[in-house]
Every structure is written in C-alpha cells, then in structure tokens.
C-alpha cells in the first residue's frame, strides 16, 4: 500500500512540476506529496481521493472572480496557490484521523467520520469565504450583526453561507458514495 502511495504521489508531483500546476507552491507540492502518501497508506484511494476532491474544489472556488477580489484587496495571496501552511492547516486533523484509523482499528469508523468531517468543514469554510467575497451582496459581522464590506474578517453573507453548505454536502456525499463513511 505504501509503495503504491509513494509511486502514485511521486508520479503526480512530477506531472504537476512538468505541467507547471498553479494549485500549490513548490513547497506546498512537497508537503501535499507527503500528505498524499500518508492518506493512501492509511485510508487507501478513498481517503486520498476525498482529500484530492477538497484540494480541487477549494482551489477552483478560490479562483472565482479572482480579479475582482484582487482589486478589492481581499484575494488569497500568491494567486490562490497553497503552501505548506495551507496543506497542513487544511488537512492536519484529517491526517491524524487517517493515521489513527490504522493505529486504532477498533475506532476506525469514528476516525473516518472525523476525517471526512474535518475536510467537509474546511471546504465549507473555503467555499463560504471565497464565494462570499466574490458574490456577497449584504455582509454582516457575525459577532455584532452590523453591516460590513465583503472580505471583512468574520463577515457572513447569504451567498457565502449557501456556498459553504453546498461544499460540505458535496464532499460528504462523495465520501459516502465511495464507501468511506
């Protein structure tokens, strides 16, 4: 399983370098490689592909109306490319759950739910903030319910909230459909 994981992730990393992929910085790609090996080695293709779905969806939603968000000064840095801090900030809890499912097989069902829940929550957050920044018409500060401009830290909008709910449902439905849950 681990040999397959190393081979697959190495091949994909090489392809990413060759094709000049724009989702990850070079350091982010190296860390994503390590994460991918861990996930395939612990949860197999199901865990690995669920995390890849998070990366693809999160990267794409970050690029929505990027020029508008850049002009407003609220776009993600580096054109939305993820670095090591983003890889682990998004998937550390998922990785712990995945590795824990191997270390504690009696708890693997619960840990797989934790794995999916952590990625679904992260995708929900990414979708909510990026779509809210791009399309939010009326944004409120969650702590005071006062109107604030889109992109304000802690601001919520109907558009962003709906996108966040959709993101979490998509990721969870995928994990359920492939038998991870």
Protein backbone atom coordinates (compact mmCIF):
# COMPACT_ATOMS: atom_id res chain seq x y z
CA UNK A 1 0.00 0.00 0.00
CA UNK A 2 2.75 2.48 0.94
CA UNK A 3 4.84 1.61 -2.15
CA UNK A 4 1.78 2.27 -4.32
CA UNK A 5 1.22 5.55 -2.47
CA UNK A 6 4.81 6.70 -2.99
CA UNK A 7 4.73 5.79 -6.68
CA UNK A 8 1.37 7.44 -7.38
CA UNK A 9 2.12 10.63 -5.48
CA UNK A 10 5.63 10.88 -6.97
CA UNK A 11 4.20 10.49 -10.47
CA UNK A 12 1.56 13.13 -9.83
CA UNK A 13 4.10 15.52 -8.30
CA UNK A 14 6.38 15.12 -11.34
CA UNK A 15 3.42 15.70 -13.65
CA UNK A 16 2.50 18.80 -11.66
CA UNK A 17 6.03 20.19 -11.98
CA UNK A 18 6.16 19.37 -15.71
CA UNK A 19 2.76 20.96 -16.39
CA UNK A 20 3.56 23.95 -14.14
CA UNK A 21 0.46 23.42 -12.00
CA UNK A 22 -0.84 26.51 -10.22
CA UNK A 23 -2.64 24.99 -7.22
CA UNK A 24 0.42 24.53 -4.98
CA UNK A 25 3.70 26.32 -4.42
CA UNK A 26 6.80 24.10 -4.84
CA UNK A 27 6.99 23.65 -1.05
CA UNK A 28 3.22 23.10 -0.92
CA UNK A 29 3.57 20.38 -3.56
CA UNK A 30 6.23 18.61 -1.50
CA UNK A 31 4.03 18.71 1.60
CA UNK A 32 0.98 17.59 -0.40
CA UNK A 33 3.08 14.65 -1.64
CA UNK A 34 3.80 13.62 1.97
CA UNK A 35 0.14 14.06 2.91
CA UNK A 36 -0.92 12.01 -0.09
CA UNK A 37 1.41 9.16 0.88
CA UNK A 38 0.01 9.20 4.43
CA UNK A 39 -3.58 9.20 3.24
CA UNK A 40 -3.21 6.48 0.60
CA UNK A 41 -1.14 4.43 3.03
CA UNK A 42 -3.79 4.64 5.73
CA UNK A 43 -7.21 5.01 4.08
CA UNK A 44 -6.36 3.90 0.55
CA UNK A 45 -7.73 5.51 -2.57
CA UNK A 46 -10.95 6.51 -0.79
CA UNK A 47 -9.25 8.76 1.76
CA UNK A 48 -6.74 10.04 -0.77
CA UNK A 49 -9.38 10.92 -3.38
CA UNK A 50 -11.58 12.63 -0.80
CA UNK A 51 -8.70 14.94 0.09
CA UNK A 52 -7.93 15.49 -3.61
CA UNK A 53 -11.58 16.49 -4.10
CA UNK A 54 -11.13 19.04 -1.30
CA UNK A 55 -7.99 20.42 -2.99
CA UNK A 56 -9.63 20.67 -6.42
CA UNK A 57 -12.84 22.28 -5.16
CA UNK A 58 -11.04 24.61 -2.76
CA UNK A 59 -8.56 25.71 -5.44
CA UNK A 60 -11.27 26.32 -8.01
CA UNK A 61 -13.54 28.28 -5.70
CA UNK A 62 -10.58 30.43 -4.65
CA UNK A 63 -10.11 31.47 -8.30
CA UNK A 64 -13.75 32.59 -8.71
CA UNK A 65 -13.75 36.31 -9.54
CA UNK A 66 -10.06 36.48 -8.58
CA UNK A 67 -9.53 39.77 -10.44
CA UNK A 68 -12.39 41.39 -8.52
CA UNK A 69 -11.10 40.08 -5.19
CA UNK A 70 -7.55 41.25 -6.04
CA UNK A 71 -8.84 44.71 -6.95
CA UNK A 72 -10.66 44.88 -3.61
CA UNK A 73 -7.55 43.69 -1.74
CA UNK A 74 -9.32 40.61 -0.33
CA UNK A 75 -7.92 37.84 -2.56
CA UNK A 76 -5.83 34.97 -1.24
CA UNK A 77 -2.11 35.63 -1.61
CA UNK A 78 0.08 34.03 -4.29
CA UNK A 79 -2.83 33.96 -6.72
CA UNK A 80 -4.51 31.32 -4.57
CA UNK A 81 -1.59 28.87 -4.65
CA UNK A 82 -1.36 26.81 -1.47
CA UNK A 83 1.85 26.48 0.53
CA UNK A 84 2.78 24.04 3.30
CA UNK A 85 0.88 26.11 5.87
CA UNK A 86 -2.28 25.72 3.79
CA UNK A 87 -1.75 21.99 3.20
CA UNK A 88 -1.40 21.25 6.91
CA UNK A 89 -3.84 23.93 8.03
CA UNK A 90 -6.47 22.24 5.88
CA UNK A 91 -5.58 18.61 6.41
CA UNK A 92 -3.69 18.12 9.67
CA UNK A 93 -6.76 16.93 11.57
CA UNK A 94 -7.75 14.72 8.64
CA UNK A 95 -4.24 13.21 8.56
CA UNK A 96 -4.34 12.50 12.31
CA UNK A 97 -7.73 10.78 11.89
CA UNK A 98 -6.46 8.77 8.91
CA UNK A 99 -3.33 7.60 10.71
CA UNK A 100 -5.34 6.98 13.88
CA UNK A 101 -7.66 4.66 11.96
CA UNK A 102 -4.67 2.39 11.33
CA UNK A 103 -3.27 2.69 14.84
CA UNK A 104 -6.65 2.08 16.49
CA UNK A 105 -8.64 -0.23 14.18
CA UNK A 106 -11.48 -0.59 16.69
CA UNK A 107 -12.08 3.16 16.32
CA UNK A 108 -11.53 3.35 12.57
CA UNK A 109 -15.21 4.01 11.77
CA UNK A 110 -15.30 7.00 14.11
CA UNK A 111 -11.95 8.26 12.88
CA UNK A 112 -13.09 8.03 9.26
CA UNK A 113 -16.12 10.15 10.16
CA UNK A 114 -13.70 12.62 11.78
CA UNK A 115 -11.54 12.56 8.64
CA UNK A 116 -14.48 13.39 6.38
CA UNK A 117 -15.93 15.92 8.82
CA UNK A 118 -12.64 17.82 9.04
CA UNK A 119 -12.31 18.09 5.26
CA UNK A 120 -16.01 18.90 4.79
CA UNK A 121 -15.72 21.66 7.39
CA UNK A 122 -12.61 23.07 5.73
CA UNK A 123 -14.24 23.01 2.28
CA UNK A 124 -17.33 24.66 3.73
CA UNK A 125 -15.17 27.45 5.17
CA UNK A 126 -13.28 27.93 1.90
CA UNK A 127 -16.45 27.99 -0.21
CA UNK A 128 -18.22 30.33 2.20
CA UNK A 129 -15.39 32.85 2.36
CA UNK A 130 -14.43 32.80 -1.32
CA UNK A 131 -17.97 32.89 -2.72
CA UNK A 132 -19.00 35.38 -0.06
CA UNK A 133 -16.13 37.66 -1.09
CA UNK A 134 -16.98 37.26 -4.78
CA UNK A 135 -20.78 37.44 -4.71
CA UNK A 136 -21.84 38.57 -1.22
CA UNK A 137 -24.34 41.41 -1.58
CA UNK A 138 -25.00 42.07 2.08
CA UNK A 139 -22.42 41.00 4.63
CA UNK A 140 -22.81 41.12 8.39
CA UNK A 141 -20.23 40.80 11.10
CA UNK A 142 -21.11 37.57 12.84
CA UNK A 143 -20.40 38.96 16.32
CA UNK A 144 -22.42 42.19 16.11
CA UNK A 145 -24.71 41.69 13.08
CA UNK A 146 -23.59 45.10 11.78
CA UNK A 147 -23.23 45.62 8.03
CA UNK A 148 -19.61 45.39 6.88
CA UNK A 149 -17.89 45.24 3.47
CA UNK A 150 -17.34 41.82 1.83
CA UNK A 151 -14.00 40.34 2.84
CA UNK A 152 -14.16 41.68 6.39
CA UNK A 153 -12.80 39.11 8.85
CA UNK A 154 -15.81 37.42 10.46
CA UNK A 155 -18.30 38.66 7.87
CA UNK A 156 -21.06 36.35 6.64
CA UNK A 157 -23.44 36.59 3.71
CA UNK A 158 -26.33 34.53 2.44
CA UNK A 159 -24.38 33.71 -0.74
CA UNK A 160 -21.30 32.58 1.16
CA UNK A 161 -23.31 30.60 3.70
CA UNK A 162 -25.16 28.75 0.92
CA UNK A 163 -21.88 28.00 -0.87
CA UNK A 164 -20.38 26.71 2.37
CA UNK A 165 -23.30 24.39 2.97
CA UNK A 166 -23.09 23.11 -0.61
CA UNK A 167 -19.34 22.49 -0.33
CA UNK A 168 -19.70 20.38 2.79
CA UNK A 169 -22.59 18.39 1.30
CA UNK A 170 -20.65 17.68 -1.91
CA UNK A 171 -17.59 16.40 -0.07
CA UNK A 172 -19.59 14.34 2.41
CA UNK A 173 -21.81 12.87 -0.33
CA UNK A 174 -18.71 11.86 -2.29
CA UNK A 175 -17.16 10.16 0.75
CA UNK A 176 -20.42 8.32 1.42
CA UNK A 177 -20.83 7.30 -2.23
CA UNK A 178 -17.37 5.70 -2.38
CA UNK A 179 -17.84 3.84 0.90
CA UNK A 180 -15.53 5.89 3.11
CA UNK A 181 -18.40 6.54 5.53
